[in-house]
Amino acid sequence: MNRNLIILSLIAILLAGCSSFKVLPEKVPNGQINSADNSQTVSSNGLEITVRLDDAGINSYNLEGTVTTFFISIRNATDSEVAFNDDSYLLVDEGGLQYSLLTPENVRTMLKKDSYYLVPYPYVGFYYLEDYEKTNAYNRFNSALPYYYELYPQDLFTKALQPTAVIPGMKVEGLTYFKIDPAAHKLLKLLVFRKGTSKSSPPDFSFPFKIIK
């Protein structure tokens, strides 16, 4: 076996062994937890919102820190449109520090910064196997095997939750992005505000998570 592959395999095993953690939802009133994917669905005032941490966190060799993704599904069972926008979502850690949502444009800009060694759009790849393995052989969520995540920049947009009104009887779903590494925290709480709700008021929906290491 190639010497570089042997070394990289050992690194992958070490990283997998020391980076395992779980992100579990904590039940809230009117909430229903799905243990199959560690999501929680909360129903209130005709709205049904489901939130879970998405496994495909974005790690890049040239990205300072980690961009963590949350999957959000919003179903509108009311008789009126319900609107959400980019500032409808806030993430708060155990110290009370708040993190605003990153738009797909924000994330793509962060990935492009100082990326002289990356293969040009539409693929984010690496010229050297060593760089690819170093970046991707990092298991972030609950697995004893190396975790490989290939980021295609167009997916940042196509999979993102759109800031749009939800018409009666319909739903929207997609990913939201935050610049935070869950492994460095004990608790996280995703707050959801309907468009027009003051951030000084209690959130319309709250989704707390505990991090088990």
Protein backbone atom coordinates (compact mmCIF):
# COMPACT_ATOMS: atom_id res chain seq x y z
CA MET A 1 0.00 0.00 0.00
CA ASN A 2 1.20 3.47 -0.77
CA ARG A 3 2.99 5.04 2.21
CA ASN A 4 0.86 8.19 2.07
CA LEU A 5 -2.35 6.15 2.13
CA ILE A 6 -1.15 4.20 5.16
CA ILE A 7 -0.39 7.42 7.04
CA LEU A 8 -3.68 8.97 6.03
CA SER A 9 -5.59 5.87 7.12
CA LEU A 10 -3.98 6.06 10.56
CA ILE A 11 -4.87 9.76 10.83
CA ALA A 12 -8.46 9.03 9.85
CA ILE A 13 -8.75 6.33 12.51
CA LEU A 14 -7.34 8.64 15.20
CA LEU A 15 -9.66 11.48 14.22
CA ALA A 16 -12.67 9.19 14.15
CA GLY A 17 -11.85 7.87 17.58
CA CYS A 18 -11.51 11.25 19.28
CA SER A 19 -14.17 13.35 17.57
CA SER A 20 -17.33 11.34 18.12
CA PHE A 21 -20.25 13.17 19.67
CA LYS A 22 -24.03 13.28 19.50
CA VAL A 23 -26.38 16.20 19.13
CA LEU A 24 -29.74 15.32 20.67
CA PRO A 25 -32.95 17.37 20.79
CA GLU A 26 -34.43 18.25 24.17
CA LYS A 27 -38.21 17.99 24.29
CA VAL A 28 -40.26 21.18 24.48
CA PRO A 29 -44.02 21.72 24.99
CA ASN A 30 -46.02 20.62 21.93
CA GLY A 31 -42.88 18.93 20.64
CA GLN A 32 -42.52 15.44 19.22
CA ILE A 33 -39.04 13.92 18.99
CA ASN A 34 -38.15 11.47 16.24
CA SER A 35 -35.29 9.34 17.55
CA ALA A 36 -34.60 7.93 14.09
CA ASP A 37 -33.05 11.18 12.88
CA ASN A 38 -32.89 13.15 16.17
CA SER A 39 -35.34 15.75 14.89
CA GLN A 40 -38.10 17.49 16.80
CA THR A 41 -41.43 18.67 15.40
CA VAL A 42 -43.27 21.47 17.22
CA SER A 43 -46.86 22.48 16.44
CA SER A 44 -48.20 25.89 17.44
CA ASN A 45 -50.91 28.22 16.11
CA GLY A 46 -51.43 26.23 12.93
CA LEU A 47 -47.73 25.94 12.11
CA GLU A 48 -45.69 22.74 12.24
CA ILE A 49 -41.90 23.13 12.23
CA THR A 50 -39.38 20.30 12.22
CA VAL A 51 -35.69 20.87 12.97
CA ARG A 52 -32.70 18.57 13.04
CA LEU A 53 -28.97 19.00 12.84
CA ASP A 54 -27.82 17.97 9.38
CA ASP A 55 -24.87 15.57 9.26
CA ALA A 56 -23.30 17.32 6.30
CA GLY A 57 -21.49 20.07 8.19
CA ILE A 58 -19.12 21.97 5.95
CA ASN A 59 -15.42 21.57 6.65
CA SER A 60 -12.92 23.10 4.28
CA TYR A 61 -9.13 23.21 4.50
CA ASN A 62 -9.23 26.97 3.98
CA LEU A 63 -12.30 27.69 6.12
CA GLU A 64 -11.75 29.10 9.60
CA GLY A 65 -13.98 27.04 11.84
CA THR A 66 -16.95 24.93 10.88
CA VAL A 67 -20.19 25.84 9.14
CA THR A 68 -22.93 23.75 10.72
CA THR A 69 -26.17 23.04 8.90
CA PHE A 70 -29.67 22.63 10.29
CA PHE A 71 -32.49 21.11 8.27
CA ILE A 72 -35.78 22.98 8.76
CA SER A 73 -39.25 22.05 7.50
CA ILE A 74 -42.19 24.47 7.90
CA ARG A 75 -45.79 23.41 7.24
CA ASN A 76 -48.57 26.00 7.19
CA ALA A 77 -51.95 24.66 8.29
CA THR A 78 -53.50 28.11 8.77
CA ASP A 79 -55.76 30.06 6.40
CA SER A 80 -53.19 32.79 5.76
CA GLU A 81 -49.69 33.10 4.37
CA VAL A 82 -46.90 32.91 6.93
CA ALA A 83 -43.62 34.63 6.14
CA PHE A 84 -40.05 33.97 7.29
CA ASN A 85 -36.85 35.65 6.17
CA ASP A 86 -33.10 35.33 6.72
CA ASP A 87 -33.19 36.98 10.15
CA SER A 88 -35.98 34.67 11.34
CA TYR A 89 -33.41 32.14 12.57
CA LEU A 90 -30.95 32.60 15.43
CA LEU A 91 -28.68 30.06 17.08
CA VAL A 92 -27.70 30.51 20.73
CA ASP A 93 -25.06 28.58 22.70
CA GLU A 94 -24.87 27.77 26.41
CA GLY A 95 -23.10 31.06 27.11
CA GLY A 96 -25.82 33.19 25.54
CA LEU A 97 -23.74 34.00 22.46
CA GLN A 98 -25.98 34.32 19.42
CA TYR A 99 -25.14 33.33 15.85
CA SER A 100 -26.98 34.77 12.88
CA LEU A 101 -27.85 32.71 9.83
CA LEU A 102 -25.32 32.61 7.01
CA THR A 103 -26.81 32.94 3.54
CA PRO A 104 -25.56 30.57 0.81
CA GLU A 105 -23.73 33.58 -0.64
CA ASN A 106 -21.96 34.10 2.70
CA VAL A 107 -20.85 30.46 2.85
CA ARG A 108 -19.66 30.39 -0.74
CA THR A 109 -17.65 33.58 -0.20
CA MET A 110 -16.01 32.04 2.88
CA LEU A 111 -15.09 28.94 0.88
CA LYS A 112 -13.65 30.96 -1.99
CA LYS A 113 -11.44 33.08 0.25
CA ASP A 114 -7.74 32.23 -0.18
CA SER A 115 -8.67 29.09 -2.12
CA TYR A 116 -5.80 29.18 -4.61
CA TYR A 117 -5.29 25.43 -4.32
CA LEU A 118 -8.90 24.49 -5.03
CA VAL A 119 -10.22 23.20 -8.32
CA PRO A 120 -12.40 25.94 -9.90
CA TYR A 121 -16.22 26.01 -9.80
CA PRO A 122 -18.45 24.01 -10.13
CA TYR A 123 -16.49 21.61 -7.95
CA VAL A 124 -14.61 22.27 -4.74
CA GLY A 125 -11.83 19.72 -4.88
CA PHE A 126 -8.14 19.40 -4.20
CA TYR A 127 -5.12 19.13 -6.43
CA TYR A 128 -3.38 16.81 -3.97
CA LEU A 129 -4.71 13.63 -2.38
CA GLU A 130 -3.10 14.62 0.91
CA ASP A 131 -5.17 17.82 1.13
CA TYR A 132 -8.38 15.99 0.22
CA GLU A 133 -7.84 13.30 2.84
CA LYS A 134 -6.77 15.79 5.49
CA THR A 135 -9.95 17.79 4.98
CA ASN A 136 -12.49 15.00 4.61
CA ALA A 137 -11.25 12.16 6.81
CA TYR A 138 -12.89 13.82 9.79
CA ASN A 139 -15.85 12.12 11.37
CA ARG A 140 -18.09 14.79 12.89
CA PHE A 141 -21.13 12.72 13.84
CA ASN A 142 -21.36 9.40 15.65
CA SER A 143 -19.42 7.03 13.41
CA ALA A 144 -16.33 4.92 13.82
CA LEU A 145 -15.59 5.25 10.11
CA PRO A 146 -13.97 8.18 8.31
CA TYR A 147 -16.55 10.66 7.08
CA TYR A 148 -16.22 12.06 3.56
CA TYR A 149 -18.21 15.10 2.50
CA GLU A 150 -17.89 16.40 -1.05
CA LEU A 151 -19.13 19.94 -1.28
CA TYR A 152 -20.60 21.10 -4.55
CA PRO A 153 -21.09 24.90 -4.35
CA GLN A 154 -24.34 24.84 -6.31
CA ASP A 155 -25.84 22.67 -3.53
CA LEU A 156 -25.42 25.55 -1.10
CA PHE A 157 -28.18 27.31 -3.03
CA THR A 158 -30.38 24.45 -4.21
CA LYS A 159 -30.59 22.82 -0.76
CA ALA A 160 -30.95 26.04 1.26
CA LEU A 161 -34.19 27.02 2.98
CA GLN A 162 -35.72 29.80 0.90
CA PRO A 163 -36.77 33.06 2.67
CA THR A 164 -40.29 32.99 1.31
CA ALA A 165 -43.89 33.09 2.46
CA VAL A 166 -45.55 29.73 3.07
CA ILE A 167 -49.03 29.63 1.58
CA PRO A 168 -51.92 27.86 3.37
CA GLY A 169 -51.75 24.08 3.20
CA MET A 170 -48.18 24.08 1.85
CA LYS A 171 -44.71 23.62 3.32
CA VAL A 172 -41.13 24.65 2.64
CA GLU A 173 -37.95 22.90 3.72
CA GLY A 174 -34.22 23.20 3.33
CA LEU A 175 -30.88 23.82 5.04
CA THR A 176 -29.77 26.77 7.15
CA TYR A 177 -26.11 27.57 7.83
CA PHE A 178 -24.36 28.83 10.96
CA LYS A 179 -20.65 29.38 11.63
CA ILE A 180 -20.22 27.21 14.72
CA ASP A 181 -18.68 23.89 15.71
CA PRO A 182 -21.13 21.88 17.88
CA ALA A 183 -18.27 19.80 19.28
CA ALA A 184 -17.02 22.87 21.14
CA HIS A 185 -20.31 23.36 23.00
CA LYS A 186 -22.61 21.68 25.51
CA LEU A 187 -25.93 23.20 24.49
CA LEU A 188 -27.37 24.85 21.40
CA LYS A 189 -30.79 26.38 20.84
CA LEU A 190 -32.27 27.28 17.48
CA LEU A 191 -34.80 30.12 17.74
CA VAL A 192 -37.38 30.72 15.01
CA PHE A 193 -39.20 34.05 14.62
CA ARG A 194 -42.00 34.77 12.19
CA LYS A 195 -41.34 37.76 9.95
CA GLY A 196 -42.20 40.92 11.88
CA THR A 197 -41.78 39.36 15.33
CA SER A 198 -39.51 41.47 17.51
CA LYS A 199 -36.31 39.74 18.58
CA SER A 200 -36.93 41.22 22.03
CA SER A 201 -40.05 39.06 22.27
CA PRO A 202 -40.02 35.33 23.00
CA PRO A 203 -39.38 33.33 19.81
CA ASP A 204 -42.32 31.74 18.05
CA PHE A 205 -40.49 28.41 18.17
CA SER A 206 -37.51 27.16 20.16
CA PHE A 207 -35.48 24.00 19.50
CA PRO A 208 -32.88 23.18 22.19
CA PHE A 209 -30.16 20.56 21.63
CA LYS A 210 -27.71 18.97 24.04
CA ILE A 211 -24.27 17.81 22.89
CA ILE A 212 -23.14 14.47 24.29
CA LYS A 213 -19.41 13.72 24.06
